[in-house]
Amino acid sequence: MFNRRSFNKILSALLVSPLMSCQSNPKDNASHKPLVLSTWNNKEANLIAYQILKENPSSILDAIEKAVNSVESNPLDVSVGYGGSPDSSGNVTLDACIMDHNGNAGSVCFLKDIKNAVSVARKVMENSPHVMLCGQGAKEFALLNGFTVFDLLTPQSKNKFLKWKEKAVFEPEINSERHDTIGLLAINSLSNLSGACSTSGLSYKLPGRVGDSPIIGSGLYVDNEVGASTATGYGELVMQSCSSFLIVELMRSGMTPMIACKEAIKRISLRTDIENKQVGLLALDKLGQVGAFALRRGFNYTVADINGLQTLESEYFL
């Protein structure tokens, strides 16, 4: 069971030794499982997942869900879950998905008044015949499955919204506060892959807007034969290119995770308007090799494995 004492113990142990290079020999990487990879500087989330995987490799979905929950429940995180920025009408709406090594997936979008969207997504996957539920239907499903109504708007996020409303101009910020969607991928010692993605979406978006995060194949995709990928940044660009699915298929064709991420960013740059926009892509293959690439400077990601814990700066296109 994860607690603060065990978190500090694992953190100290992991920080003793440097993290393996993402460009190391694939054969060497196979010995570094379990491995947890996430967007942005999410050290605590990575460590929660890592500890669970060390103690019980088969609990990979539990590891991923609880890790993402830690970000969703943090009121200081303005882009995920509780404390997330509202839309232009003042409502916080959440998008999330989860996918396991068997190809099962669950997703929720435009979810209101429920704190842990990724947990609802898992219930959709396990307790319904569907992949995605949205809006009021997703909320009613959550309530039927034991979730409770929760006010997602904090005083801080409400004050920021009221200040924004004075001008009411929609201008997404690149690398806003060095955070965005939490996308998390993991591989256990059994070489099984799973992943999840959760966000409150763009600040002051139009009501009803859904980004790439809950879309299987855009914000997240897992194929246990090949690898997994997740995305962060301006979701419309990711959706237009089905970036996560593309990356997995490029890895299937023989590309390393890094080269696949670069190719996916290249396709985004060729097909869409990328001015003043950011996308960051992550990939993890069956051997435990990691790839990361972004449109612009400023995207970072976190890796935890038996050799260490580190937040790294991604390479970038522009």
C-alpha atoms as a PDB file:
ATOM      1  CA  MET A   1       0.000   0.000   0.000  1.00  0.00           C
ATOM      2  CA  PHE A   2       1.371   3.413  -0.986  1.00  0.00           C
ATOM      3  CA  ASN A   3       1.933   6.028   1.702  1.00  0.00           C
ATOM      4  CA  ARG A   4       4.069   9.130   2.211  1.00  0.00           C
ATOM      5  CA  ARG A   5       6.798   7.258   4.099  1.00  0.00           C
ATOM      6  CA  SER A   6       7.168   4.655   1.360  1.00  0.00           C
ATOM      7  CA  PHE A   7       7.114   7.415  -1.276  1.00  0.00           C
ATOM      8  CA  ASN A   8      10.076   9.155   0.376  1.00  0.00           C
ATOM      9  CA  LYS A   9      11.925   5.851   0.746  1.00  0.00           C
ATOM     10  CA  ILE A  10      11.493   4.919  -2.914  1.00  0.00           C
ATOM     11  CA  LEU A  11      12.295   8.468  -4.025  1.00  0.00           C
ATOM     12  CA  SER A  12      15.587   8.453  -2.110  1.00  0.00           C
ATOM     13  CA  ALA A  13      16.542   5.065  -3.517  1.00  0.00           C
ATOM     14  CA  LEU A  14      15.764   5.999  -7.103  1.00  0.00           C
ATOM     15  CA  LEU A  15      17.593   9.296  -6.966  1.00  0.00           C
ATOM     16  CA  VAL A  16      20.837   7.614  -5.901  1.00  0.00           C
ATOM     17  CA  SER A  17      21.647   6.361  -9.373  1.00  0.00           C
ATOM     18  CA  PRO A  18      21.254   8.051 -12.769  1.00  0.00           C
ATOM     19  CA  LEU A  19      18.464   7.034 -15.120  1.00  0.00           C
ATOM     20  CA  MET A  20      19.291   4.911 -18.091  1.00  0.00           C
ATOM     21  CA  SER A  21      19.748   6.717 -21.366  1.00  0.00           C
ATOM     22  CA  CYS A  22      16.706   6.649 -23.616  1.00  0.00           C
ATOM     23  CA  GLN A  23      19.080   5.851 -26.455  1.00  0.00           C
ATOM     24  CA  SER A  24      20.630   2.768 -24.805  1.00  0.00           C
ATOM     25  CA  ASN A  25      20.849  -0.673 -26.356  1.00  0.00           C
ATOM     26  CA  PRO A  26      17.376  -2.272 -26.734  1.00  0.00           C
ATOM     27  CA  LYS A  27      18.683  -5.578 -25.370  1.00  0.00           C
ATOM     28  CA  ASP A  28      19.888  -3.791 -22.242  1.00  0.00           C
ATOM     29  CA  ASN A  29      16.566  -2.002 -21.816  1.00  0.00           C
ATOM     30  CA  ALA A  30      14.712  -5.278 -21.489  1.00  0.00           C
ATOM     31  CA  SER A  31      16.189  -5.706 -18.006  1.00  0.00           C
ATOM     32  CA  HIS A  32      14.911  -2.339 -16.744  1.00  0.00           C
ATOM     33  CA  LYS A  33      11.285  -3.377 -16.286  1.00  0.00           C
ATOM     34  CA  PRO A  34       9.079  -2.291 -14.668  1.00  0.00           C
ATOM     35  CA  LEU A  35       9.237   1.125 -16.268  1.00  0.00           C
ATOM     36  CA  VAL A  36       6.837   4.045 -15.913  1.00  0.00           C
ATOM     37  CA  LEU A  37       6.793   6.950 -18.367  1.00  0.00           C
ATOM     38  CA  SER A  38       4.682  10.093 -18.024  1.00  0.00           C
ATOM     39  CA  THR A  39       4.249  13.517 -19.563  1.00  0.00           C
ATOM     40  CA  TRP A  40       5.714  16.477 -17.695  1.00  0.00           C
ATOM     41  CA  ASN A  41       7.279  16.526 -14.236  1.00  0.00           C
ATOM     42  CA  ASN A  42       5.098  13.933 -12.517  1.00  0.00           C
ATOM     43  CA  LYS A  43       7.626  12.267 -10.227  1.00  0.00           C
ATOM     44  CA  GLU A  44       5.142  11.350  -7.499  1.00  0.00           C
ATOM     45  CA  ALA A  45       2.736   9.783  -9.998  1.00  0.00           C
ATOM     46  CA  ASN A  46       5.543   7.750 -11.545  1.00  0.00           C
ATOM     47  CA  LEU A  47       6.700   6.509  -8.163  1.00  0.00           C
ATOM     48  CA  ILE A  48       3.215   5.473  -7.102  1.00  0.00           C
ATOM     49  CA  ALA A  49       2.905   3.360 -10.244  1.00  0.00           C
ATOM     50  CA  TYR A  50       6.452   2.053  -9.956  1.00  0.00           C
ATOM     51  CA  GLN A  51       6.071   0.857  -6.371  1.00  0.00           C
ATOM     52  CA  ILE A  52       2.814  -0.966  -7.111  1.00  0.00           C
ATOM     53  CA  LEU A  53       4.391  -2.657 -10.141  1.00  0.00           C
ATOM     54  CA  LYS A  54       7.403  -3.754  -8.101  1.00  0.00           C
ATOM     55  CA  GLU A  55       5.195  -5.309  -5.432  1.00  0.00           C
ATOM     56  CA  ASN A  56       2.622  -6.828  -7.787  1.00  0.00           C
ATOM     57  CA  PRO A  57       3.485  -6.842 -11.516  1.00  0.00           C
ATOM     58  CA  SER A  58       0.017  -8.046 -12.502  1.00  0.00           C
ATOM     59  CA  SER A  59      -1.612  -4.919 -10.975  1.00  0.00           C
ATOM     60  CA  ILE A  60      -0.595  -2.700 -13.858  1.00  0.00           C
ATOM     61  CA  LEU A  61      -4.035  -1.055 -14.212  1.00  0.00           C
ATOM     62  CA  ASP A  62      -4.171  -0.356 -10.474  1.00  0.00           C
ATOM     63  CA  ALA A  63      -0.704   1.175 -10.707  1.00  0.00           C
ATOM     64  CA  ILE A  64      -1.662   3.447 -13.586  1.00  0.00           C
ATOM     65  CA  GLU A  65      -5.046   4.437 -12.149  1.00  0.00           C
ATOM     66  CA  LYS A  66      -3.701   5.357  -8.708  1.00  0.00           C
ATOM     67  CA  ALA A  67      -0.807   7.273 -10.239  1.00  0.00           C
ATOM     68  CA  VAL A  68      -3.126   9.357 -12.401  1.00  0.00           C
ATOM     69  CA  ASN A  69      -5.527   9.806  -9.455  1.00  0.00           C
ATOM     70  CA  SER A  70      -2.711  11.523  -7.551  1.00  0.00           C
ATOM     71  CA  VAL A  71      -2.562  14.214 -10.228  1.00  0.00           C
ATOM     72  CA  GLU A  72      -6.342  14.444 -10.646  1.00  0.00           C
ATOM     73  CA  SER A  73      -6.755  15.038  -6.894  1.00  0.00           C
ATOM     74  CA  ASN A  74      -4.088  17.734  -6.650  1.00  0.00           C
ATOM     75  CA  PRO A  75      -5.800  21.173  -6.501  1.00  0.00           C
ATOM     76  CA  LEU A  76      -2.531  22.869  -7.455  1.00  0.00           C
ATOM     77  CA  ASP A  77      -2.554  21.202 -10.855  1.00  0.00           C
ATOM     78  CA  VAL A  78      -4.561  23.542 -13.068  1.00  0.00           C
ATOM     79  CA  SER A  79      -4.833  21.239 -16.066  1.00  0.00           C
ATOM     80  CA  VAL A  80      -6.122  17.954 -14.614  1.00  0.00           C
ATOM     81  CA  GLY A  81      -9.050  17.048 -12.360  1.00  0.00           C
ATOM     82  CA  TYR A  82      -9.765  19.021  -9.182  1.00  0.00           C
ATOM     83  CA  GLY A  83      -8.517  22.570  -9.636  1.00  0.00           C
ATOM     84  CA  GLY A  84      -8.459  22.294 -13.392  1.00  0.00           C
ATOM     85  CA  SER A  85      -9.239  25.416 -15.398  1.00  0.00           C
ATOM     86  CA  PRO A  86     -12.913  25.801 -16.334  1.00  0.00           C
ATOM     87  CA  ASP A  87     -14.399  26.339 -19.769  1.00  0.00           C
ATOM     88  CA  SER A  88     -15.645  29.746 -20.953  1.00  0.00           C
ATOM     89  CA  SER A  89     -18.896  29.284 -19.012  1.00  0.00           C
ATOM     90  CA  GLY A  90     -17.088  28.618 -15.734  1.00  0.00           C
ATOM     91  CA  ASN A  91     -17.594  24.843 -15.598  1.00  0.00           C
ATOM     92  CA  VAL A  92     -14.750  22.369 -15.118  1.00  0.00           C
ATOM     93  CA  THR A  93     -15.219  19.435 -17.499  1.00  0.00           C
ATOM     94  CA  LEU A  94     -12.939  16.419 -17.619  1.00  0.00           C
ATOM     95  CA  ASP A  95     -11.715  13.991 -20.286  1.00  0.00           C
ATOM     96  CA  ALA A  96      -9.898  10.722 -19.591  1.00  0.00           C
ATOM     97  CA  CYS A  97      -9.212   7.252 -20.937  1.00  0.00           C
ATOM     98  CA  ILE A  98      -7.443   4.048 -19.983  1.00  0.00           C
ATOM     99  CA  MET A  99      -6.299   1.054 -22.045  1.00  0.00           C
ATOM    100  CA  ASP A 100      -4.878  -2.310 -21.007  1.00  0.00           C
ATOM    101  CA  HIS A 101      -2.569  -4.897 -22.542  1.00  0.00           C
ATOM    102  CA  ASN A 102      -5.504  -6.921 -23.871  1.00  0.00           C
ATOM    103  CA  GLY A 103      -6.733  -4.026 -26.004  1.00  0.00           C
ATOM    104  CA  ASN A 104      -9.632  -3.176 -23.693  1.00  0.00           C
ATOM    105  CA  ALA A 105     -10.343   0.536 -23.358  1.00  0.00           C
ATOM    106  CA  GLY A 106     -12.631   2.893 -21.470  1.00  0.00           C
ATOM    107  CA  SER A 107     -13.162   6.609 -21.846  1.00  0.00           C
ATOM    108  CA  VAL A 108     -15.183   9.552 -20.539  1.00  0.00           C
ATOM    109  CA  CYS A 109     -15.465  13.060 -21.911  1.00  0.00           C
ATOM    110  CA  PHE A 110     -17.225  16.295 -20.955  1.00  0.00           C
ATOM    111  CA  LEU A 111     -17.593  14.845 -17.442  1.00  0.00           C
ATOM    112  CA  LYS A 112     -18.768  17.270 -14.739  1.00  0.00           C
ATOM    113  CA  ASP A 113     -18.699  17.114 -10.929  1.00  0.00           C
ATOM    114  CA  ILE A 114     -16.644  13.908 -10.604  1.00  0.00           C
ATOM    115  CA  LYS A 115     -13.049  14.193  -9.372  1.00  0.00           C
ATOM    116  CA  ASN A 116     -11.278  11.090 -10.692  1.00  0.00           C
ATOM    117  CA  ALA A 117     -12.192  10.850 -14.362  1.00  0.00           C
ATOM    118  CA  VAL A 118      -9.689   8.082 -15.140  1.00  0.00           C
ATOM    119  CA  SER A 119     -11.355   5.863 -12.533  1.00  0.00           C
ATOM    120  CA  VAL A 120     -14.715   6.407 -14.223  1.00  0.00           C
ATOM    121  CA  ALA A 121     -13.076   5.530 -17.547  1.00  0.00           C
ATOM    122  CA  ARG A 122     -11.859   2.263 -16.041  1.00  0.00           C
ATOM    123  CA  LYS A 123     -15.389   1.486 -14.844  1.00  0.00           C
ATOM    124  CA  VAL A 124     -16.670   2.125 -18.368  1.00  0.00           C
ATOM    125  CA  MET A 125     -14.118  -0.380 -19.636  1.00  0.00           C
ATOM    126  CA  GLU A 126     -14.872  -3.031 -17.008  1.00  0.00           C
ATOM    127  CA  ASN A 127     -18.553  -2.495 -16.139  1.00  0.00           C
ATOM    128  CA  SER A 128     -20.176  -1.519 -19.430  1.00  0.00           C
ATOM    129  CA  PRO A 129     -20.399  -2.792 -23.006  1.00  0.00           C
ATOM    130  CA  HIS A 130     -19.069   0.544 -24.288  1.00  0.00           C
ATOM    131  CA  VAL A 131     -15.748   2.305 -24.785  1.00  0.00           C
ATOM    132  CA  MET A 132     -16.815   5.935 -24.298  1.00  0.00           C
ATOM    133  CA  LEU A 133     -19.470   7.797 -22.330  1.00  0.00           C
ATOM    134  CA  CYS A 134     -19.890  11.560 -22.365  1.00  0.00           C
ATOM    135  CA  GLY A 135     -21.559  14.420 -20.543  1.00  0.00           C
ATOM    136  CA  GLN A 136     -24.577  13.731 -18.379  1.00  0.00           C
ATOM    137  CA  GLY A 137     -24.546  10.054 -19.316  1.00  0.00           C
ATOM    138  CA  ALA A 138     -20.981   9.696 -18.054  1.00  0.00           C
ATOM    139  CA  LYS A 139     -21.890  11.471 -14.812  1.00  0.00           C
ATOM    140  CA  GLU A 140     -24.942   9.270 -14.218  1.00  0.00           C
ATOM    141  CA  PHE A 141     -22.861   6.167 -14.897  1.00  0.00           C
ATOM    142  CA  ALA A 142     -20.268   7.364 -12.380  1.00  0.00           C
ATOM    143  CA  LEU A 143     -22.903   7.923  -9.705  1.00  0.00           C
ATOM    144  CA  LEU A 144     -24.358   4.453 -10.312  1.00  0.00           C
ATOM    145  CA  ASN A 145     -20.863   3.024  -9.830  1.00  0.00           C
ATOM    146  CA  GLY A 146     -20.206   4.582  -6.436  1.00  0.00           C
ATOM    147  CA  PHE A 147     -18.711   7.962  -7.312  1.00  0.00           C
ATOM    148  CA  THR A 148     -19.979  11.087  -5.556  1.00  0.00           C
ATOM    149  CA  VAL A 149     -20.623  14.627  -6.714  1.00  0.00           C
ATOM    150  CA  PHE A 150     -17.592  16.852  -6.152  1.00  0.00           C
ATOM    151  CA  ASP A 151     -17.082  20.563  -6.834  1.00  0.00           C
ATOM    152  CA  LEU A 152     -14.044  20.692  -9.126  1.00  0.00           C
ATOM    153  CA  LEU A 153     -13.712  24.482  -9.089  1.00  0.00           C
ATOM    154  CA  THR A 154     -11.261  25.738  -6.454  1.00  0.00           C
ATOM    155  CA  PRO A 155     -11.230  29.351  -5.200  1.00  0.00           C
ATOM    156  CA  GLN A 156      -7.952  29.872  -7.080  1.00  0.00           C
ATOM    157  CA  SER A 157      -9.290  28.590 -10.391  1.00  0.00           C
ATOM    158  CA  LYS A 158     -12.510  30.571  -9.925  1.00  0.00           C
ATOM    159  CA  ASN A 159     -10.566  33.794  -9.329  1.00  0.00           C
ATOM    160  CA  LYS A 160      -8.426  33.189 -12.412  1.00  0.00           C
ATOM    161  CA  PHE A 161     -11.591  32.573 -14.435  1.00  0.00           C
ATOM    162  CA  LEU A 162     -13.204  35.813 -13.239  1.00  0.00           C
ATOM    163  CA  LYS A 163     -10.068  37.716 -14.184  1.00  0.00           C
ATOM    164  CA  TRP A 164     -10.023  36.057 -17.626  1.00  0.00           C
ATOM    165  CA  LYS A 165     -13.702  36.903 -18.104  1.00  0.00           C
ATOM    166  CA  GLU A 166     -12.914  40.632 -18.033  1.00  0.00           C
ATOM    167  CA  LYS A 167     -11.499  40.272 -21.558  1.00  0.00           C
ATOM    168  CA  ALA A 168     -12.760  36.782 -22.451  1.00  0.00           C
ATOM    169  CA  VAL A 169     -10.130  36.161 -25.134  1.00  0.00           C
ATOM    170  CA  PHE A 170      -9.264  32.534 -25.886  1.00  0.00           C
ATOM    171  CA  GLU A 171      -5.472  32.323 -26.217  1.00  0.00           C
ATOM    172  CA  PRO A 172      -4.010  28.898 -25.363  1.00  0.00           C
ATOM    173  CA  GLU A 173      -0.572  29.203 -23.755  1.00  0.00           C
ATOM    174  CA  ILE A 174       2.305  27.059 -25.012  1.00  0.00           C
ATOM    175  CA  ASN A 175       3.722  24.866 -22.227  1.00  0.00           C
ATOM    176  CA  SER A 176       1.392  26.571 -19.764  1.00  0.00           C
ATOM    177  CA  GLU A 177       3.002  26.309 -16.317  1.00  0.00           C
ATOM    178  CA  ARG A 178       5.159  23.452 -17.671  1.00  0.00           C
ATOM    179  CA  HIS A 179       2.220  21.122 -17.339  1.00  0.00           C
ATOM    180  CA  ASP A 180      -0.800  19.910 -19.250  1.00  0.00           C
ATOM    181  CA  THR A 181      -2.500  16.560 -19.724  1.00  0.00           C
ATOM    182  CA  ILE A 182      -1.162  13.679 -17.631  1.00  0.00           C
ATOM    183  CA  GLY A 183      -0.416  10.825 -20.004  1.00  0.00           C
ATOM    184  CA  LEU A 184       1.144   7.796 -18.319  1.00  0.00           C
ATOM    185  CA  LEU A 185       2.482   4.571 -19.853  1.00  0.00           C
ATOM    186  CA  ALA A 186       3.879   1.540 -18.045  1.00  0.00           C
ATOM    187  CA  ILE A 187       5.410  -1.832 -18.758  1.00  0.00           C
ATOM    188  CA  ASN A 188       5.664  -4.481 -16.058  1.00  0.00           C
ATOM    189  CA  SER A 189       8.164  -7.292 -15.498  1.00  0.00           C
ATOM    190  CA  LEU A 190       5.839  -9.577 -17.495  1.00  0.00           C
ATOM    191  CA  SER A 191       6.337  -7.260 -20.503  1.00  0.00           C
ATOM    192  CA  ASN A 192       2.688  -6.188 -20.486  1.00  0.00           C
ATOM    193  CA  LEU A 193       1.867  -2.590 -21.426  1.00  0.00           C
ATOM    194  CA  SER A 194      -0.982  -0.322 -20.338  1.00  0.00           C
ATOM    195  CA  GLY A 195      -1.654   3.408 -20.243  1.00  0.00           C
ATOM    196  CA  ALA A 196      -3.989   6.223 -19.234  1.00  0.00           C
ATOM    197  CA  CYS A 197      -4.609   9.863 -19.987  1.00  0.00           C
ATOM    198  CA  SER A 198      -6.504  12.561 -18.032  1.00  0.00           C
ATOM    199  CA  THR A 199      -7.105  16.299 -18.425  1.00  0.00           C
ATOM    200  CA  SER A 200      -9.448  19.209 -17.784  1.00  0.00           C
ATOM    201  CA  GLY A 201      -8.699  20.397 -21.290  1.00  0.00           C
ATOM    202  CA  LEU A 202      -7.827  23.818 -22.635  1.00  0.00           C
ATOM    203  CA  SER A 203      -8.420  26.700 -20.247  1.00  0.00           C
ATOM    204  CA  TYR A 204     -11.617  28.636 -21.119  1.00  0.00           C
ATOM    205  CA  LYS A 205     -12.454  26.362 -24.035  1.00  0.00           C
ATOM    206  CA  LEU A 206     -15.890  26.515 -25.626  1.00  0.00           C
ATOM    207  CA  PRO A 207     -18.446  24.530 -23.593  1.00  0.00           C
ATOM    208  CA  GLY A 208     -18.662  21.014 -24.961  1.00  0.00           C
ATOM    209  CA  ARG A 209     -15.148  20.973 -26.398  1.00  0.00           C
ATOM    210  CA  VAL A 210     -13.424  17.585 -26.168  1.00  0.00           C
ATOM    211  CA  GLY A 211      -9.729  17.191 -26.870  1.00  0.00           C
ATOM    212  CA  ASP A 212      -7.555  14.250 -27.811  1.00  0.00           C
ATOM    213  CA  SER A 213      -7.077  12.870 -24.286  1.00  0.00           C
ATOM    214  CA  PRO A 214     -10.145  10.580 -24.165  1.00  0.00           C
ATOM    215  CA  ILE A 215      -9.862   9.523 -27.810  1.00  0.00           C
ATOM    216  CA  ILE A 216      -8.360   6.061 -28.243  1.00  0.00           C
ATOM    217  CA  GLY A 217      -5.735   6.372 -30.970  1.00  0.00           C
ATOM    218  CA  SER A 218      -5.220  10.104 -30.470  1.00  0.00           C
ATOM    219  CA  GLY A 219      -4.347  10.867 -26.847  1.00  0.00           C
ATOM    220  CA  LEU A 220      -3.506   7.252 -26.023  1.00  0.00           C
ATOM    221  CA  TYR A 221      -2.973   3.923 -27.723  1.00  0.00           C
ATOM    222  CA  VAL A 222      -1.659   0.580 -26.474  1.00  0.00           C
ATOM    223  CA  ASP A 223      -0.795  -2.501 -28.512  1.00  0.00           C
ATOM    224  CA  ASN A 224       0.830  -5.157 -26.353  1.00  0.00           C
ATOM    225  CA  GLU A 225       2.584  -6.713 -29.352  1.00  0.00           C
ATOM    226  CA  VAL A 226       4.397  -3.476 -30.164  1.00  0.00           C
ATOM    227  CA  GLY A 227       4.226  -0.621 -27.673  1.00  0.00           C
ATOM    228  CA  ALA A 228       2.219   2.326 -26.414  1.00  0.00           C
ATOM    229  CA  SER A 229       2.032   6.063 -26.944  1.00  0.00           C
ATOM    230  CA  THR A 230       0.431   9.128 -25.371  1.00  0.00           C
ATOM    231  CA  ALA A 231       0.180  12.820 -26.200  1.00  0.00           C
ATOM    232  CA  THR A 232      -0.075  16.229 -24.563  1.00  0.00           C
ATOM    233  CA  GLY A 233      -0.529  19.761 -25.832  1.00  0.00           C
ATOM    234  CA  TYR A 234      -2.982  21.230 -28.319  1.00  0.00           C
ATOM    235  CA  GLY A 235      -5.407  18.343 -28.741  1.00  0.00           C
ATOM    236  CA  GLU A 236      -6.902  19.392 -32.049  1.00  0.00           C
ATOM    237  CA  LEU A 237      -3.556  18.811 -33.762  1.00  0.00           C
ATOM    238  CA  VAL A 238      -3.228  15.365 -32.210  1.00  0.00           C
ATOM    239  CA  MET A 239      -6.765  14.371 -33.214  1.00  0.00           C
ATOM    240  CA  GLN A 240      -6.239  15.480 -36.790  1.00  0.00           C
ATOM    241  CA  SER A 241      -3.287  13.111 -37.082  1.00  0.00           C
ATOM    242  CA  CYS A 242      -4.342  10.216 -34.773  1.00  0.00           C
ATOM    243  CA  SER A 243      -0.847  10.604 -33.367  1.00  0.00           C
ATOM    244  CA  SER A 244      -0.739   7.850 -30.735  1.00  0.00           C
ATOM    245  CA  PHE A 245      -2.039   5.192 -33.096  1.00  0.00           C
ATOM    246  CA  LEU A 246       0.348   6.416 -35.779  1.00  0.00           C
ATOM    247  CA  ILE A 247       3.334   6.117 -33.453  1.00  0.00           C
ATOM    248  CA  VAL A 248       2.468   2.548 -32.480  1.00  0.00           C
ATOM    249  CA  GLU A 249       2.067   1.573 -36.118  1.00  0.00           C
ATOM    250  CA  LEU A 250       5.395   3.200 -36.994  1.00  0.00           C
ATOM    251  CA  MET A 251       7.022   1.167 -34.220  1.00  0.00           C
ATOM    252  CA  ARG A 252       5.338  -1.933 -35.653  1.00  0.00           C
ATOM    253  CA  SER A 253       7.073  -1.191 -38.955  1.00  0.00           C
ATOM    254  CA  GLY A 254      10.449  -1.193 -37.195  1.00  0.00           C
ATOM    255  CA  MET A 255      11.011   2.364 -36.030  1.00  0.00           C
ATOM    256  CA  THR A 256      12.364   3.023 -32.550  1.00  0.00           C
ATOM    257  CA  PRO A 257      10.063   4.980 -30.196  1.00  0.00           C
ATOM    258  CA  MET A 258      12.135   8.127 -30.671  1.00  0.00           C
ATOM    259  CA  ILE A 259      12.109   8.009 -34.466  1.00  0.00           C
ATOM    260  CA  ALA A 260       8.373   7.214 -34.458  1.00  0.00           C
ATOM    261  CA  CYS A 261       7.667  10.261 -32.279  1.00  0.00           C
ATOM    262  CA  LYS A 262       9.746  12.454 -34.588  1.00  0.00           C
ATOM    263  CA  GLU A 263       7.871  11.201 -37.635  1.00  0.00           C
ATOM    264  CA  ALA A 264       4.498  11.833 -35.975  1.00  0.00           C
ATOM    265  CA  ILE A 265       5.500  15.412 -35.120  1.00  0.00           C
ATOM    266  CA  LYS A 266       6.732  15.913 -38.681  1.00  0.00           C
ATOM    267  CA  ARG A 267       3.336  14.841 -40.037  1.00  0.00           C
ATOM    268  CA  ILE A 268       1.564  17.266 -37.702  1.00  0.00           C
ATOM    269  CA  SER A 269       3.802  20.088 -38.907  1.00  0.00           C
ATOM    270  CA  LEU A 270       3.112  19.306 -42.566  1.00  0.00           C
ATOM    271  CA  ARG A 271      -0.663  18.925 -42.318  1.00  0.00           C
ATOM    272  CA  THR A 272      -1.869  21.536 -39.827  1.00  0.00           C
ATOM    273  CA  ASP A 273      -1.368  25.095 -38.646  1.00  0.00           C
ATOM    274  CA  ILE A 274       1.180  24.857 -35.821  1.00  0.00           C
ATOM    275  CA  GLU A 275       1.690  28.561 -35.148  1.00  0.00           C
ATOM    276  CA  ASN A 276       1.672  29.266 -31.387  1.00  0.00           C
ATOM    277  CA  LYS A 277       0.808  25.656 -30.626  1.00  0.00           C
ATOM    278  CA  GLN A 278       2.613  22.839 -28.826  1.00  0.00           C
ATOM    279  CA  VAL A 279       2.366  19.048 -28.952  1.00  0.00           C
ATOM    280  CA  GLY A 280       4.485  16.614 -26.966  1.00  0.00           C
ATOM    281  CA  LEU A 281       4.530  12.907 -27.782  1.00  0.00           C
ATOM    282  CA  LEU A 282       5.773   9.927 -25.758  1.00  0.00           C
ATOM    283  CA  ALA A 283       6.276   6.304 -26.754  1.00  0.00           C
ATOM    284  CA  LEU A 284       7.302   3.096 -25.008  1.00  0.00           C
ATOM    285  CA  ASP A 285       7.979  -0.135 -26.846  1.00  0.00           C
ATOM    286  CA  LYS A 286       7.842  -3.794 -25.839  1.00  0.00           C
ATOM    287  CA  LEU A 287      11.552  -3.819 -24.961  1.00  0.00           C
ATOM    288  CA  GLY A 288      11.261  -0.844 -22.635  1.00  0.00           C
ATOM    289  CA  GLN A 289      12.782   1.687 -25.023  1.00  0.00           C
ATOM    290  CA  VAL A 290      11.513   5.248 -24.568  1.00  0.00           C
ATOM    291  CA  GLY A 291      10.910   7.981 -27.133  1.00  0.00           C
ATOM    292  CA  ALA A 292       9.896  11.625 -26.702  1.00  0.00           C
ATOM    293  CA  PHE A 293       9.586  14.482 -29.160  1.00  0.00           C
ATOM    294  CA  ALA A 294       7.748  17.821 -29.320  1.00  0.00           C
ATOM    295  CA  LEU A 295       6.834  20.542 -31.752  1.00  0.00           C
ATOM    296  CA  ARG A 296       8.623  23.189 -29.704  1.00  0.00           C
ATOM    297  CA  ARG A 297      11.090  23.565 -26.904  1.00  0.00           C
ATOM    298  CA  GLY A 298       9.702  23.246 -23.380  1.00  0.00           C
ATOM    299  CA  PHE A 299       8.157  19.784 -23.185  1.00  0.00           C
ATOM    300  CA  ASN A 300       9.542  17.500 -20.504  1.00  0.00           C
ATOM    301  CA  TYR A 301       8.712  13.984 -19.349  1.00  0.00           C
ATOM    302  CA  THR A 302       9.460  11.687 -16.417  1.00  0.00           C
ATOM    303  CA  VAL A 303      10.779   8.123 -16.339  1.00  0.00           C
ATOM    304  CA  ALA A 304      11.061   5.719 -13.396  1.00  0.00           C
ATOM    305  CA  ASP A 305      12.764   2.321 -13.580  1.00  0.00           C
ATOM    306  CA  ILE A 306      15.161   0.228 -11.495  1.00  0.00           C
ATOM    307  CA  ASN A 307      18.032   2.553 -12.435  1.00  0.00           C
ATOM    308  CA  GLY A 308      16.458   5.794 -11.299  1.00  0.00           C
ATOM    309  CA  LEU A 309      13.909   8.552 -11.554  1.00  0.00           C
ATOM    310  CA  GLN A 310      14.419  11.592 -13.727  1.00  0.00           C
ATOM    311  CA  THR A 311      12.564  14.343 -15.530  1.00  0.00           C
ATOM    312  CA  LEU A 312      14.108  14.955 -18.939  1.00  0.00           C
ATOM    313  CA  GLU A 313      13.808  17.630 -21.593  1.00  0.00           C
ATOM    314  CA  SER A 314      12.416  16.423 -24.890  1.00  0.00           C
ATOM    315  CA  GLU A 315      14.000  17.075 -28.251  1.00  0.00           C
ATOM    316  CA  TYR A 316      11.871  19.285 -30.481  1.00  0.00           C
ATOM    317  CA  PHE A 317      11.103  20.150 -34.083  1.00  0.00           C
ATOM    318  CA  LEU A 318      11.093  23.959 -34.202  1.00  0.00           C
END
